[in-house]
Amino acid sequence: MEFGCAVCDKEPEIGERFFIVRSMIKTRNGVRQGVSVIVCAGHIAKELHRATRIDEQAFVQEYLVATKGEAR
């Protein structure tokens, strides 16, 4: 499984933290849809600001990278 930050497209190194932000967006036809975005520690504030403007609740999970390409 390979992943990277949605903002800067950087792949996290071993021992680095990254976050999964789950929020709701409203599509063009008015349907609410859940979206999950992976961001690095440097861009979590920017993504949380955007997510909370769209929806009052943004669920955040924090992961520590155990090996290259895997989360613990």
PDB file of N, CA and C in Angstrom:
ATOM      1  N   MET A   1       0.845  -1.170   0.000  1.00  0.00           N
ATOM      2  CA  MET A   1       0.000   0.000   0.000  1.00  0.00           C
ATOM      3  C   MET A   1       0.890   1.232   0.000  1.00  0.00           C
ATOM      4  N   GLU A   2       0.772   2.044  -1.013  1.00  0.00           N
ATOM      5  CA  GLU A   2       1.532   3.277  -1.077  1.00  0.00           C
ATOM      6  C   GLU A   2       0.591   4.451  -0.906  1.00  0.00           C
ATOM      7  N   PHE A   3       1.046   5.443  -0.208  1.00  0.00           N
ATOM      8  CA  PHE A   3       0.213   6.599   0.063  1.00  0.00           C
ATOM      9  C   PHE A   3       1.103   7.812   0.174  1.00  0.00           C
ATOM     10  N   GLY A   4       0.468   8.969   0.113  1.00  0.00           N
ATOM     11  CA  GLY A   4       1.191  10.217   0.258  1.00  0.00           C
ATOM     12  C   GLY A   4       0.237  11.306   0.696  1.00  0.00           C
ATOM     13  N   CYS A   5       0.799  12.436   1.069  1.00  0.00           N
ATOM     14  CA  CYS A   5       0.008  13.569   1.518  1.00  0.00           C
ATOM     15  C   CYS A   5      -0.818  14.115   0.351  1.00  0.00           C
ATOM     16  N   ALA A   6      -2.087  14.410   0.615  1.00  0.00           N
ATOM     17  CA  ALA A   6      -2.968  14.942  -0.431  1.00  0.00           C
ATOM     18  C   ALA A   6      -2.597  16.376  -0.809  1.00  0.00           C
ATOM     19  N   VAL A   7      -1.897  17.080   0.076  1.00  0.00           N
ATOM     20  CA  VAL A   7      -1.540  18.473  -0.188  1.00  0.00           C
ATOM     21  C   VAL A   7      -0.206  18.566  -0.922  1.00  0.00           C
ATOM     22  N   CYS A   8       0.835  17.902  -0.374  1.00  0.00           N
ATOM     23  CA  CYS A   8       2.181  18.056  -0.951  1.00  0.00           C
ATOM     24  C   CYS A   8       2.668  16.798  -1.674  1.00  0.00           C
ATOM     25  N   ASP A   9       1.906  15.705  -1.638  1.00  0.00           N
ATOM     26  CA  ASP A   9       2.213  14.450  -2.320  1.00  0.00           C
ATOM     27  C   ASP A   9       3.493  13.792  -1.812  1.00  0.00           C
ATOM     28  N   LYS A  10       3.907  14.135  -0.584  1.00  0.00           N
ATOM     29  CA  LYS A  10       5.115  13.553   0.015  1.00  0.00           C
ATOM     30  C   LYS A  10       4.765  12.228   0.678  1.00  0.00           C
ATOM     31  N   GLU A  11       5.598  11.218   0.466  1.00  0.00           N
ATOM     32  CA  GLU A  11       5.404   9.941   1.146  1.00  0.00           C
ATOM     33  C   GLU A  11       6.067  10.003   2.509  1.00  0.00           C
ATOM     34  N   PRO A  12       5.355   9.596   3.576  1.00  0.00           N
ATOM     35  CA  PRO A  12       5.956   9.659   4.908  1.00  0.00           C
ATOM     36  C   PRO A  12       7.078   8.645   5.086  1.00  0.00           C
ATOM     37  N   GLU A  13       8.074   9.031   5.869  1.00  0.00           N
ATOM     38  CA  GLU A  13       9.199   8.158   6.174  1.00  0.00           C
ATOM     39  C   GLU A  13       8.869   7.296   7.387  1.00  0.00           C
ATOM     40  N   ILE A  14       9.697   6.290   7.643  1.00  0.00           N
ATOM     41  CA  ILE A  14       9.501   5.412   8.788  1.00  0.00           C
ATOM     42  C   ILE A  14       9.603   6.228  10.078  1.00  0.00           C
ATOM     43  N   GLY A  15       8.640   6.057  10.974  1.00  0.00           N
ATOM     44  CA  GLY A  15       8.606   6.789  12.224  1.00  0.00           C
ATOM     45  C   GLY A  15       7.896   8.122  12.148  1.00  0.00           C
ATOM     46  N   GLU A  16       7.461   8.532  10.970  1.00  0.00           N
ATOM     47  CA  GLU A  16       6.777   9.808  10.803  1.00  0.00           C
ATOM     48  C   GLU A  16       5.263   9.623  10.994  1.00  0.00           C
ATOM     49  N   ARG A  17       4.612  10.679  11.456  1.00  0.00           N
ATOM     50  CA  ARG A  17       3.166  10.619  11.653  1.00  0.00           C
ATOM     51  C   ARG A  17       2.440  11.098  10.404  1.00  0.00           C
ATOM     52  N   PHE A  18       1.262  10.497  10.163  1.00  0.00           N
ATOM     53  CA  PHE A  18       0.372  11.031   9.155  1.00  0.00           C
ATOM     54  C   PHE A  18      -1.052  10.859   9.651  1.00  0.00           C
ATOM     55  N   PHE A  19      -1.979  11.557   9.034  1.00  0.00           N
ATOM     56  CA  PHE A  19      -3.340  11.616   9.535  1.00  0.00           C
ATOM     57  C   PHE A  19      -4.328  11.282   8.431  1.00  0.00           C
ATOM     58  N   ILE A  20      -5.406  10.616   8.813  1.00  0.00           N
ATOM     59  CA  ILE A  20      -6.526  10.400   7.900  1.00  0.00           C
ATOM     60  C   ILE A  20      -7.665  11.266   8.413  1.00  0.00           C
ATOM     61  N   VAL A  21      -8.134  12.191   7.583  1.00  0.00           N
ATOM     62  CA  VAL A  21      -9.226  13.091   7.944  1.00  0.00           C
ATOM     63  C   VAL A  21     -10.462  12.627   7.184  1.00  0.00           C
ATOM     64  N   ARG A  22     -11.499  12.284   7.929  1.00  0.00           N
ATOM     65  CA  ARG A  22     -12.766  11.879   7.317  1.00  0.00           C
ATOM     66  C   ARG A  22     -13.765  13.005   7.521  1.00  0.00           C
ATOM     67  N   SER A  23     -14.349  13.489   6.440  1.00  0.00           N
ATOM     68  CA  SER A  23     -15.333  14.567   6.541  1.00  0.00           C
ATOM     69  C   SER A  23     -16.426  14.346   5.500  1.00  0.00           C
ATOM     70  N   MET A  24     -17.435  15.163   5.566  1.00  0.00           N
ATOM     71  CA  MET A  24     -18.557  15.065   4.633  1.00  0.00           C
ATOM     72  C   MET A  24     -18.512  16.255   3.687  1.00  0.00           C
ATOM     73  N   ILE A  25     -18.794  16.004   2.415  1.00  0.00           N
ATOM     74  CA  ILE A  25     -18.910  17.092   1.449  1.00  0.00           C
ATOM     75  C   ILE A  25     -20.270  16.985   0.779  1.00  0.00           C
ATOM     76  N   LYS A  26     -20.707  18.080   0.216  1.00  0.00           N
ATOM     77  CA  LYS A  26     -21.958  18.079  -0.521  1.00  0.00           C
ATOM     78  C   LYS A  26     -21.617  18.178  -2.004  1.00  0.00           C
ATOM     79  N   THR A  27     -22.068  17.209  -2.799  1.00  0.00           N
ATOM     80  CA  THR A  27     -21.763  17.198  -4.220  1.00  0.00           C
ATOM     81  C   THR A  27     -22.642  18.210  -4.959  1.00  0.00           C
ATOM     82  N   ARG A  28     -22.415  18.375  -6.240  1.00  0.00           N
ATOM     83  CA  ARG A  28     -23.155  19.365  -7.029  1.00  0.00           C
ATOM     84  C   ARG A  28     -24.662  19.108  -7.036  1.00  0.00           C
ATOM     85  N   ASN A  29     -25.055  17.835  -6.977  1.00  0.00           N
ATOM     86  CA  ASN A  29     -26.489  17.535  -6.994  1.00  0.00           C
ATOM     87  C   ASN A  29     -27.089  17.487  -5.592  1.00  0.00           C
ATOM     88  N   GLY A  30     -26.355  17.958  -4.586  1.00  0.00           N
ATOM     89  CA  GLY A  30     -26.889  18.087  -3.239  1.00  0.00           C
ATOM     90  C   GLY A  30     -26.763  16.870  -2.352  1.00  0.00           C
ATOM     91  N   VAL A  31     -26.121  15.818  -2.826  1.00  0.00           N
ATOM     92  CA  VAL A  31     -25.945  14.606  -2.033  1.00  0.00           C
ATOM     93  C   VAL A  31     -24.721  14.762  -1.139  1.00  0.00           C
ATOM     94  N   ARG A  32     -24.861  14.377   0.138  1.00  0.00           N
ATOM     95  CA  ARG A  32     -23.722  14.417   1.060  1.00  0.00           C
ATOM     96  C   ARG A  32     -22.947  13.119   0.930  1.00  0.00           C
ATOM     97  N   GLN A  33     -21.627  13.244   0.842  1.00  0.00           N
ATOM     98  CA  GLN A  33     -20.775  12.091   0.619  1.00  0.00           C
ATOM     99  C   GLN A  33     -19.570  12.157   1.545  1.00  0.00           C
ATOM    100  N   GLY A  34     -19.197  11.011   2.116  1.00  0.00           N
ATOM    101  CA  GLY A  34     -18.025  10.950   2.984  1.00  0.00           C
ATOM    102  C   GLY A  34     -16.741  10.904   2.180  1.00  0.00           C
ATOM    103  N   VAL A  35     -15.732  11.631   2.641  1.00  0.00           N
ATOM    104  CA  VAL A  35     -14.450  11.699   1.959  1.00  0.00           C
ATOM    105  C   VAL A  35     -13.336  11.468   2.980  1.00  0.00           C
ATOM    106  N   SER A  36     -12.370  10.657   2.622  1.00  0.00           N
ATOM    107  CA  SER A  36     -11.195  10.435   3.464  1.00  0.00           C
ATOM    108  C   SER A  36      -9.967  10.967   2.742  1.00  0.00           C
ATOM    109  N   VAL A  37      -9.160  11.746   3.465  1.00  0.00           N
ATOM    110  CA  VAL A  37      -7.967  12.360   2.891  1.00  0.00           C
ATOM    111  C   VAL A  37      -6.792  12.049   3.801  1.00  0.00           C
ATOM    112  N   ILE A  38      -5.661  11.653   3.226  1.00  0.00           N
ATOM    113  CA  ILE A  38      -4.434  11.409   3.982  1.00  0.00           C
ATOM    114  C   ILE A  38      -3.563  12.657   3.887  1.00  0.00           C
ATOM    115  N   VAL A  39      -3.126  13.160   5.052  1.00  0.00           N
ATOM    116  CA  VAL A  39      -2.264  14.339   5.071  1.00  0.00           C
ATOM    117  C   VAL A  39      -1.105  14.126   6.034  1.00  0.00           C
ATOM    118  N   CYS A  40      -0.003  14.811   5.777  1.00  0.00           N
ATOM    119  CA  CYS A  40       1.159  14.732   6.660  1.00  0.00           C
ATOM    120  C   CYS A  40       0.964  15.683   7.843  1.00  0.00           C
ATOM    121  N   ALA A  41       1.835  15.583   8.828  1.00  0.00           N
ATOM    122  CA  ALA A  41       1.720  16.404  10.036  1.00  0.00           C
ATOM    123  C   ALA A  41       1.842  17.896   9.719  1.00  0.00           C
ATOM    124  N   GLY A  42       2.577  18.242   8.696  1.00  0.00           N
ATOM    125  CA  GLY A  42       2.747  19.649   8.342  1.00  0.00           C
ATOM    126  C   GLY A  42       1.525  20.283   7.713  1.00  0.00           C
ATOM    127  N   HIS A  43       0.612  19.481   7.179  1.00  0.00           N
ATOM    128  CA  HIS A  43      -0.560  20.025   6.497  1.00  0.00           C
ATOM    129  C   HIS A  43      -1.875  19.672   7.182  1.00  0.00           C
ATOM    130  N   ILE A  44      -1.824  19.102   8.398  1.00  0.00           N
ATOM    131  CA  ILE A  44      -3.063  18.703   9.069  1.00  0.00           C
ATOM    132  C   ILE A  44      -3.926  19.916   9.405  1.00  0.00           C
ATOM    133  N   ALA A  45      -3.344  21.030   9.800  1.00  0.00           N
ATOM    134  CA  ALA A  45      -4.132  22.212  10.157  1.00  0.00           C
ATOM    135  C   ALA A  45      -4.876  22.757   8.946  1.00  0.00           C
ATOM    136  N   LYS A  46      -4.226  22.785   7.806  1.00  0.00           N
ATOM    137  CA  LYS A  46      -4.859  23.284   6.583  1.00  0.00           C
ATOM    138  C   LYS A  46      -6.041  22.404   6.189  1.00  0.00           C
ATOM    139  N   GLU A  47      -5.862  21.097   6.268  1.00  0.00           N
ATOM    140  CA  GLU A  47      -6.927  20.178   5.882  1.00  0.00           C
ATOM    141  C   GLU A  47      -8.077  20.206   6.883  1.00  0.00           C
ATOM    142  N   LEU A  48      -7.765  20.299   8.177  1.00  0.00           N
ATOM    143  CA  LEU A  48      -8.824  20.366   9.188  1.00  0.00           C
ATOM    144  C   LEU A  48      -9.643  21.638   9.034  1.00  0.00           C
ATOM    145  N   HIS A  49      -8.987  22.743   8.693  1.00  0.00           N
ATOM    146  CA  HIS A  49      -9.715  23.996   8.489  1.00  0.00           C
ATOM    147  C   HIS A  49     -10.702  23.842   7.332  1.00  0.00           C
ATOM    148  N   ARG A  50     -10.258  23.246   6.244  1.00  0.00           N
ATOM    149  CA  ARG A  50     -11.135  23.041   5.095  1.00  0.00           C
ATOM    150  C   ARG A  50     -12.273  22.078   5.445  1.00  0.00           C
ATOM    151  N   ALA A  51     -11.955  21.018   6.172  1.00  0.00           N
ATOM    152  CA  ALA A  51     -12.957  20.007   6.503  1.00  0.00           C
ATOM    153  C   ALA A  51     -14.022  20.564   7.440  1.00  0.00           C
ATOM    154  N   THR A  52     -13.620  21.364   8.419  1.00  0.00           N
ATOM    155  CA  THR A  52     -14.605  21.868   9.370  1.00  0.00           C
ATOM    156  C   THR A  52     -15.447  22.986   8.774  1.00  0.00           C
ATOM    157  N   ARG A  53     -14.976  23.635   7.727  1.00  0.00           N
ATOM    158  CA  ARG A  53     -15.838  24.603   7.049  1.00  0.00           C
ATOM    159  C   ARG A  53     -16.960  23.882   6.316  1.00  0.00           C
ATOM    160  N   ILE A  54     -16.670  22.707   5.776  1.00  0.00           N
ATOM    161  CA  ILE A  54     -17.663  21.943   5.029  1.00  0.00           C
ATOM    162  C   ILE A  54     -18.642  21.258   5.978  1.00  0.00           C
ATOM    163  N   ASP A  55     -18.135  20.688   7.040  1.00  0.00           N
ATOM    164  CA  ASP A  55     -18.957  19.926   7.970  1.00  0.00           C
ATOM    165  C   ASP A  55     -18.444  20.190   9.379  1.00  0.00           C
ATOM    166  N   GLU A  56     -19.342  20.255  10.339  1.00  0.00           N
ATOM    167  CA  GLU A  56     -18.936  20.527  11.714  1.00  0.00           C
ATOM    168  C   GLU A  56     -18.098  19.410  12.306  1.00  0.00           C
ATOM    169  N   GLN A  57     -18.273  18.181  11.842  1.00  0.00           N
ATOM    170  CA  GLN A  57     -17.538  17.061  12.396  1.00  0.00           C
ATOM    171  C   GLN A  57     -16.532  16.531  11.385  1.00  0.00           C
ATOM    172  N   ALA A  58     -15.282  16.524  11.777  1.00  0.00           N
ATOM    173  CA  ALA A  58     -14.235  15.900  10.977  1.00  0.00           C
ATOM    174  C   ALA A  58     -13.534  14.911  11.889  1.00  0.00           C
ATOM    175  N   PHE A  59     -13.547  13.654  11.503  1.00  0.00           N
ATOM    176  CA  PHE A  59     -12.945  12.613  12.320  1.00  0.00           C
ATOM    177  C   PHE A  59     -11.505  12.420  11.886  1.00  0.00           C
ATOM    178  N   VAL A  60     -10.596  12.441  12.843  1.00  0.00           N
ATOM    179  CA  VAL A  60      -9.172  12.355  12.539  1.00  0.00           C
ATOM    180  C   VAL A  60      -8.603  11.109  13.192  1.00  0.00           C
ATOM    181  N   GLN A  61      -7.873  10.315  12.414  1.00  0.00           N
ATOM    182  CA  GLN A  61      -7.126   9.186  12.938  1.00  0.00           C
ATOM    183  C   GLN A  61      -5.650   9.454  12.685  1.00  0.00           C
ATOM    184  N   GLU A  62      -4.843   9.186  13.698  1.00  0.00           N
ATOM    185  CA  GLU A  62      -3.407   9.397  13.572  1.00  0.00           C
ATOM    186  C   GLU A  62      -2.719   8.048  13.485  1.00  0.00           C
ATOM    187  N   TYR A  63      -1.783   7.921  12.565  1.00  0.00           N
ATOM    188  CA  TYR A  63      -1.027   6.694  12.386  1.00  0.00           C
ATOM    189  C   TYR A  63       0.460   7.004  12.445  1.00  0.00           C
ATOM    190  N   LEU A  64       1.220   6.040  12.885  1.00  0.00           N
ATOM    191  CA  LEU A  64       2.674   6.130  12.861  1.00  0.00           C
ATOM    192  C   LEU A  64       3.152   5.132  11.815  1.00  0.00           C
ATOM    193  N   VAL A  65       3.998   5.573  10.922  1.00  0.00           N
ATOM    194  CA  VAL A  65       4.484   4.699   9.864  1.00  0.00           C
ATOM    195  C   VAL A  65       5.484   3.715  10.459  1.00  0.00           C
ATOM    196  N   ALA A  66       5.141   2.417  10.408  1.00  0.00           N
ATOM    197  CA  ALA A  66       5.999   1.385  10.991  1.00  0.00           C
ATOM    198  C   ALA A  66       7.072   0.931  10.003  1.00  0.00           C
ATOM    199  N   THR A  67       6.678   0.641   8.789  1.00  0.00           N
ATOM    200  CA  THR A  67       7.617   0.262   7.735  1.00  0.00           C
ATOM    201  C   THR A  67       7.237   1.043   6.487  1.00  0.00           C
ATOM    202  N   LYS A  68       8.073   1.003   5.496  1.00  0.00           N
ATOM    203  CA  LYS A  68       7.794   1.758   4.274  1.00  0.00           C
ATOM    204  C   LYS A  68       6.518   1.223   3.621  1.00  0.00           C
ATOM    205  N   GLY A  69       5.499   2.060   3.542  1.00  0.00           N
ATOM    206  CA  GLY A  69       4.258   1.676   2.884  1.00  0.00           C
ATOM    207  C   GLY A  69       3.246   1.000   3.777  1.00  0.00           C
ATOM    208  N   GLU A  70       3.524   0.838   5.074  1.00  0.00           N
ATOM    209  CA  GLU A  70       2.557   0.211   5.972  1.00  0.00           C
ATOM    210  C   GLU A  70       2.362   1.081   7.204  1.00  0.00           C
ATOM    211  N   ALA A  71       1.151   1.080   7.708  1.00  0.00           N
ATOM    212  CA  ALA A  71       0.838   1.871   8.898  1.00  0.00           C
ATOM    213  C   ALA A  71       0.630   0.953  10.083  1.00  0.00           C
ATOM    214  N   ARG A  72       0.977   1.470  11.255  1.00  0.00           N
ATOM    215  CA  ARG A  72       0.754   0.705  12.484  1.00  0.00           C
ATOM    216  C   ARG A  72      -0.287   1.419  13.311  1.00  0.00           C
TER     217      ARG A  72
END
